[in-house]
Amino acid sequence: MLLSLNKTQKNSRQKHQSVTAEANLLKQLSLGEQKAFWSLWLSHQEYLYCRCINWMGGNRKDAEEALSRATIKAWEKLPIHAEKITNPQAWLTRMTHNVCVDIHREN
């Protein structure tokens, strides 16, 4: 039981540190620090790619195209909205989903 409790506490601490780190990255982005974008983006890129594969019907080529477009769109929009974002993963996921929908509409 003690081991389980310690593991839960450790996971909670790591999640808090991650949220704090993301908040710091968003603050840096709002101040125009471009390096912060890549730190934030790369921490979510694998998850977003997996979502793109799903949303693009398993087509990896289309998923890569969607992720590339999402990267560019995030690069343009994230610094503008950084101060208002409270959940970066949710924001990036929604934005990436919208890119996938746009690609489906083009086809």
N, C-alpha and C. Protein backbone atom coordinates (compact mmCIF):
# COMPACT_ATOMS: atom_id res chain seq x y z
N MET A 1 0.83 -1.20 0.00
CA MET A 1 0.00 0.00 0.00
C MET A 1 0.87 1.25 0.00
N LEU A 2 1.94 1.24 0.81
CA LEU A 2 2.83 2.39 0.90
C LEU A 2 3.49 2.66 -0.45
N LEU A 3 3.90 1.58 -1.13
CA LEU A 3 4.52 1.73 -2.44
C LEU A 3 3.54 2.37 -3.42
N SER A 4 2.30 1.93 -3.38
CA SER A 4 1.27 2.48 -4.25
C SER A 4 1.04 3.96 -3.98
N LEU A 5 1.01 4.33 -2.71
CA LEU A 5 0.81 5.73 -2.33
C LEU A 5 1.98 6.58 -2.80
N ASN A 6 3.20 6.08 -2.62
CA ASN A 6 4.38 6.83 -3.06
C ASN A 6 4.37 7.02 -4.58
N LYS A 7 3.95 5.99 -5.32
CA LYS A 7 3.88 6.08 -6.77
C LYS A 7 2.84 7.12 -7.19
N THR A 8 1.71 7.14 -6.50
CA THR A 8 0.66 8.12 -6.78
C THR A 8 1.15 9.53 -6.50
N GLN A 9 1.84 9.70 -5.38
CA GLN A 9 2.39 11.02 -5.04
C GLN A 9 3.42 11.46 -6.08
N LYS A 10 4.26 10.53 -6.52
CA LYS A 10 5.28 10.84 -7.51
C LYS A 10 4.62 11.27 -8.82
N ASN A 11 3.60 10.52 -9.27
CA ASN A 11 2.90 10.87 -10.51
C ASN A 11 2.23 12.23 -10.39
N SER A 12 1.65 12.52 -9.24
CA SER A 12 1.01 13.81 -9.01
C SER A 12 2.03 14.94 -9.06
N ARG A 13 3.19 14.71 -8.45
CA ARG A 13 4.26 15.71 -8.46
C ARG A 13 4.76 15.95 -9.88
N GLN A 14 4.95 14.87 -10.64
CA GLN A 14 5.42 15.00 -12.02
C GLN A 14 4.40 15.76 -12.87
N LYS A 15 3.12 15.47 -12.67
CA LYS A 15 2.08 16.17 -13.43
C LYS A 15 2.09 17.65 -13.08
N HIS A 16 2.23 17.98 -11.79
CA HIS A 16 2.27 19.38 -11.37
C HIS A 16 3.48 20.08 -11.98
N GLN A 17 4.64 19.41 -11.97
CA GLN A 17 5.84 20.00 -12.56
C GLN A 17 5.64 20.22 -14.06
N SER A 18 4.98 19.27 -14.72
CA SER A 18 4.73 19.40 -16.15
C SER A 18 3.80 20.58 -16.45
N VAL A 19 2.75 20.72 -15.64
CA VAL A 19 1.81 21.84 -15.82
C VAL A 19 2.53 23.16 -15.58
N THR A 20 3.36 23.20 -14.55
CA THR A 20 4.13 24.41 -14.25
C THR A 20 5.10 24.73 -15.38
N ALA A 21 5.77 23.71 -15.90
CA ALA A 21 6.71 23.91 -17.01
C ALA A 21 5.98 24.43 -18.24
N GLU A 22 4.80 23.86 -18.53
CA GLU A 22 4.03 24.33 -19.68
C GLU A 22 3.56 25.76 -19.49
N ALA A 23 3.17 26.10 -18.28
CA ALA A 23 2.75 27.48 -18.00
C ALA A 23 3.91 28.43 -18.23
N ASN A 24 5.11 28.02 -17.83
CA ASN A 24 6.30 28.85 -18.06
C ASN A 24 6.59 28.99 -19.55
N LEU A 25 6.43 27.90 -20.29
CA LEU A 25 6.65 27.97 -21.74
C LEU A 25 5.64 28.89 -22.41
N LEU A 26 4.39 28.82 -21.97
CA LEU A 26 3.36 29.71 -22.53
C LEU A 26 3.68 31.16 -22.23
N LYS A 27 4.17 31.42 -21.03
CA LYS A 27 4.56 32.79 -20.66
C LYS A 27 5.69 33.27 -21.56
N GLN A 28 6.70 32.41 -21.76
CA GLN A 28 7.82 32.77 -22.63
C GLN A 28 7.34 33.03 -24.05
N LEU A 29 6.43 32.19 -24.53
CA LEU A 29 5.87 32.38 -25.87
C LEU A 29 5.18 33.72 -26.00
N SER A 30 4.41 34.09 -24.98
CA SER A 30 3.69 35.36 -25.03
C SER A 30 4.65 36.54 -25.05
N LEU A 31 5.89 36.31 -24.58
CA LEU A 31 6.91 37.35 -24.58
C LEU A 31 7.77 37.30 -25.85
N GLY A 32 7.43 36.39 -26.77
CA GLY A 32 8.12 36.34 -28.05
C GLY A 32 9.32 35.42 -28.12
N GLU A 33 9.50 34.56 -27.12
CA GLU A 33 10.64 33.63 -27.13
C GLU A 33 10.29 32.41 -27.97
N GLN A 34 10.86 32.33 -29.16
CA GLN A 34 10.51 31.28 -30.12
C GLN A 34 10.97 29.89 -29.70
N LYS A 35 12.05 29.79 -28.93
CA LYS A 35 12.52 28.49 -28.47
C LYS A 35 11.45 27.78 -27.65
N ALA A 36 10.65 28.55 -26.94
CA ALA A 36 9.60 27.98 -26.10
C ALA A 36 8.58 27.22 -26.94
N PHE A 37 8.34 27.70 -28.16
CA PHE A 37 7.40 26.99 -29.03
C PHE A 37 7.84 25.57 -29.26
N TRP A 38 9.12 25.38 -29.61
CA TRP A 38 9.59 24.04 -29.94
C TRP A 38 9.59 23.13 -28.73
N SER A 39 9.91 23.65 -27.58
CA SER A 39 9.84 22.83 -26.36
C SER A 39 8.42 22.34 -26.13
N LEU A 40 7.47 23.24 -26.28
CA LEU A 40 6.07 22.88 -26.06
C LEU A 40 5.57 21.94 -27.16
N TRP A 41 5.85 22.28 -28.41
CA TRP A 41 5.37 21.47 -29.53
C TRP A 41 5.92 20.05 -29.46
N LEU A 42 7.22 19.93 -29.25
CA LEU A 42 7.84 18.61 -29.26
C LEU A 42 7.34 17.72 -28.12
N SER A 43 6.92 18.33 -27.03
CA SER A 43 6.40 17.52 -25.92
C SER A 43 5.02 16.92 -26.25
N HIS A 44 4.35 17.45 -27.25
CA HIS A 44 3.02 16.95 -27.65
C HIS A 44 3.00 16.34 -29.04
N GLN A 45 4.09 16.42 -29.78
CA GLN A 45 4.10 16.03 -31.19
C GLN A 45 3.73 14.56 -31.40
N GLU A 46 4.26 13.66 -30.63
CA GLU A 46 3.96 12.24 -30.82
C GLU A 46 2.47 11.96 -30.60
N TYR A 47 1.92 12.54 -29.54
CA TYR A 47 0.49 12.38 -29.27
C TYR A 47 -0.34 12.93 -30.43
N LEU A 48 0.03 14.11 -30.91
CA LEU A 48 -0.72 14.73 -32.01
C LEU A 48 -0.61 13.92 -33.30
N TYR A 49 0.55 13.34 -33.54
CA TYR A 49 0.72 12.50 -34.73
C TYR A 49 -0.20 11.28 -34.66
N CYS A 50 -0.27 10.66 -33.49
CA CYS A 50 -1.17 9.51 -33.31
C CYS A 50 -2.62 9.90 -33.55
N ARG A 51 -2.99 11.06 -33.07
CA ARG A 51 -4.36 11.55 -33.29
C ARG A 51 -4.59 11.80 -34.78
N CYS A 52 -3.60 12.37 -35.46
CA CYS A 52 -3.72 12.63 -36.91
C CYS A 52 -3.92 11.33 -37.67
N ILE A 53 -3.17 10.29 -37.31
CA ILE A 53 -3.33 9.00 -37.98
C ILE A 53 -4.78 8.53 -37.84
N ASN A 54 -5.31 8.66 -36.65
CA ASN A 54 -6.69 8.25 -36.40
C ASN A 54 -7.67 9.10 -37.21
N TRP A 55 -7.51 10.41 -37.15
CA TRP A 55 -8.43 11.32 -37.84
C TRP A 55 -8.33 11.23 -39.35
N MET A 56 -7.17 10.80 -39.85
CA MET A 56 -6.99 10.70 -41.30
C MET A 56 -7.21 9.27 -41.79
N GLY A 57 -7.92 8.49 -41.00
CA GLY A 57 -8.32 7.14 -41.41
C GLY A 57 -7.18 6.16 -41.55
N GLY A 58 -6.11 6.36 -40.80
CA GLY A 58 -4.98 5.44 -40.84
C GLY A 58 -3.97 5.74 -41.94
N ASN A 59 -4.22 6.75 -42.74
CA ASN A 59 -3.32 7.11 -43.83
C ASN A 59 -2.17 7.95 -43.26
N ARG A 60 -1.00 7.32 -43.16
CA ARG A 60 0.16 7.99 -42.54
C ARG A 60 0.65 9.19 -43.36
N LYS A 61 0.57 9.10 -44.67
CA LYS A 61 0.99 10.22 -45.51
C LYS A 61 0.12 11.44 -45.24
N ASP A 62 -1.20 11.24 -45.20
CA ASP A 62 -2.12 12.34 -44.89
C ASP A 62 -1.92 12.84 -43.46
N ALA A 63 -1.63 11.91 -42.55
CA ALA A 63 -1.39 12.30 -41.15
C ALA A 63 -0.15 13.18 -41.04
N GLU A 64 0.89 12.83 -41.79
CA GLU A 64 2.12 13.64 -41.78
C GLU A 64 1.86 15.02 -42.37
N GLU A 65 1.07 15.07 -43.43
CA GLU A 65 0.71 16.36 -44.03
C GLU A 65 -0.09 17.20 -43.03
N ALA A 66 -1.04 16.57 -42.37
CA ALA A 66 -1.85 17.29 -41.38
C ALA A 66 -0.98 17.81 -40.24
N LEU A 67 -0.06 16.98 -39.77
CA LEU A 67 0.80 17.40 -38.67
C LEU A 67 1.72 18.55 -39.10
N SER A 68 2.20 18.49 -40.33
CA SER A 68 3.04 19.59 -40.85
C SER A 68 2.26 20.90 -40.89
N ARG A 69 1.04 20.82 -41.40
CA ARG A 69 0.20 22.03 -41.45
C ARG A 69 -0.13 22.53 -40.04
N ALA A 70 -0.38 21.58 -39.13
CA ALA A 70 -0.69 21.96 -37.75
C ALA A 70 0.51 22.63 -37.09
N THR A 71 1.70 22.16 -37.40
CA THR A 71 2.92 22.77 -36.84
C THR A 71 3.01 24.23 -37.28
N ILE A 72 2.79 24.47 -38.55
CA ILE A 72 2.86 25.84 -39.08
C ILE A 72 1.78 26.71 -38.46
N LYS A 73 0.57 26.18 -38.38
CA LYS A 73 -0.53 26.95 -37.81
C LYS A 73 -0.28 27.26 -36.34
N ALA A 74 0.23 26.27 -35.60
CA ALA A 74 0.54 26.49 -34.19
C ALA A 74 1.65 27.52 -34.04
N TRP A 75 2.65 27.46 -34.91
CA TRP A 75 3.76 28.42 -34.89
C TRP A 75 3.22 29.85 -35.05
N GLU A 76 2.23 30.00 -35.92
CA GLU A 76 1.64 31.32 -36.18
C GLU A 76 0.70 31.77 -35.07
N LYS A 77 -0.13 30.86 -34.56
CA LYS A 77 -1.23 31.24 -33.65
C LYS A 77 -0.91 31.12 -32.17
N LEU A 78 -0.06 30.18 -31.80
CA LEU A 78 0.20 29.93 -30.38
C LEU A 78 0.73 31.16 -29.64
N PRO A 79 1.71 31.88 -30.19
CA PRO A 79 2.19 33.06 -29.47
C PRO A 79 1.11 34.13 -29.26
N ILE A 80 0.18 34.23 -30.20
CA ILE A 80 -0.89 35.22 -30.10
C ILE A 80 -1.85 34.88 -28.95
N HIS A 81 -2.12 33.59 -28.78
CA HIS A 81 -3.12 33.15 -27.81
C HIS A 81 -2.51 32.59 -26.52
N ALA A 82 -1.19 32.58 -26.41
CA ALA A 82 -0.51 31.90 -25.30
C ALA A 82 -1.00 32.34 -23.92
N GLU A 83 -1.26 33.62 -23.74
CA GLU A 83 -1.66 34.12 -22.42
C GLU A 83 -3.02 33.59 -21.99
N LYS A 84 -3.87 33.21 -22.96
CA LYS A 84 -5.23 32.76 -22.65
C LYS A 84 -5.33 31.24 -22.53
N ILE A 85 -4.31 30.52 -22.94
CA ILE A 85 -4.36 29.05 -22.97
C ILE A 85 -4.07 28.50 -21.57
N THR A 86 -4.98 27.65 -21.09
CA THR A 86 -4.79 27.02 -19.78
C THR A 86 -4.44 25.54 -19.92
N ASN A 87 -4.77 24.95 -21.06
CA ASN A 87 -4.48 23.54 -21.29
C ASN A 87 -3.87 23.41 -22.69
N PRO A 88 -2.54 23.48 -22.78
CA PRO A 88 -1.88 23.46 -24.09
C PRO A 88 -2.19 22.21 -24.91
N GLN A 89 -2.25 21.06 -24.26
CA GLN A 89 -2.54 19.84 -25.02
C GLN A 89 -3.92 19.90 -25.65
N ALA A 90 -4.90 20.37 -24.90
CA ALA A 90 -6.25 20.48 -25.44
C ALA A 90 -6.29 21.49 -26.58
N TRP A 91 -5.60 22.62 -26.42
CA TRP A 91 -5.58 23.65 -27.45
C TRP A 91 -4.93 23.11 -28.72
N LEU A 92 -3.77 22.46 -28.58
CA LEU A 92 -3.06 21.91 -29.73
C LEU A 92 -3.87 20.79 -30.39
N THR A 93 -4.53 19.98 -29.58
CA THR A 93 -5.34 18.89 -30.12
C THR A 93 -6.51 19.43 -30.94
N ARG A 94 -7.21 20.41 -30.41
CA ARG A 94 -8.35 21.00 -31.13
C ARG A 94 -7.89 21.65 -32.43
N MET A 95 -6.79 22.39 -32.37
CA MET A 95 -6.27 23.05 -33.55
C MET A 95 -5.84 22.02 -34.60
N THR A 96 -5.19 20.95 -34.17
CA THR A 96 -4.76 19.89 -35.08
C THR A 96 -5.97 19.17 -35.68
N HIS A 97 -6.98 18.93 -34.88
CA HIS A 97 -8.21 18.31 -35.39
C HIS A 97 -8.84 19.19 -36.47
N ASN A 98 -8.87 20.48 -36.23
CA ASN A 98 -9.43 21.40 -37.22
C ASN A 98 -8.66 21.35 -38.54
N VAL A 99 -7.33 21.21 -38.45
CA VAL A 99 -6.52 21.08 -39.67
C VAL A 99 -6.90 19.80 -40.41
N CYS A 100 -7.09 18.71 -39.67
CA CYS A 100 -7.50 17.45 -40.30
C CYS A 100 -8.85 17.59 -40.99
N VAL A 101 -9.77 18.26 -40.35
CA VAL A 101 -11.10 18.49 -40.94
C VAL A 101 -10.95 19.31 -42.23
N ASP A 102 -10.11 20.33 -42.19
CA ASP A 102 -9.87 21.15 -43.39
C ASP A 102 -9.34 20.30 -44.54
N ILE A 103 -8.42 19.39 -44.24
CA ILE A 103 -7.86 18.52 -45.28
C ILE A 103 -8.94 17.61 -45.86
N HIS A 104 -9.78 17.07 -45.00
CA HIS A 104 -10.90 16.24 -45.49
C HIS A 104 -11.81 17.04 -46.41
N ARG A 105 -12.05 18.28 -46.08
CA ARG A 105 -12.92 19.13 -46.91
C ARG A 105 -12.30 19.40 -48.27
N GLU A 106 -10.97 19.51 -48.31
CA GLU A 106 -10.28 19.76 -49.58
C GLU A 106 -10.42 18.57 -50.53
N ASN A 107 -10.49 17.39 -49.97
CA ASN A 107 -10.54 16.16 -50.79
C ASN A 107 -11.93 15.85 -51.12
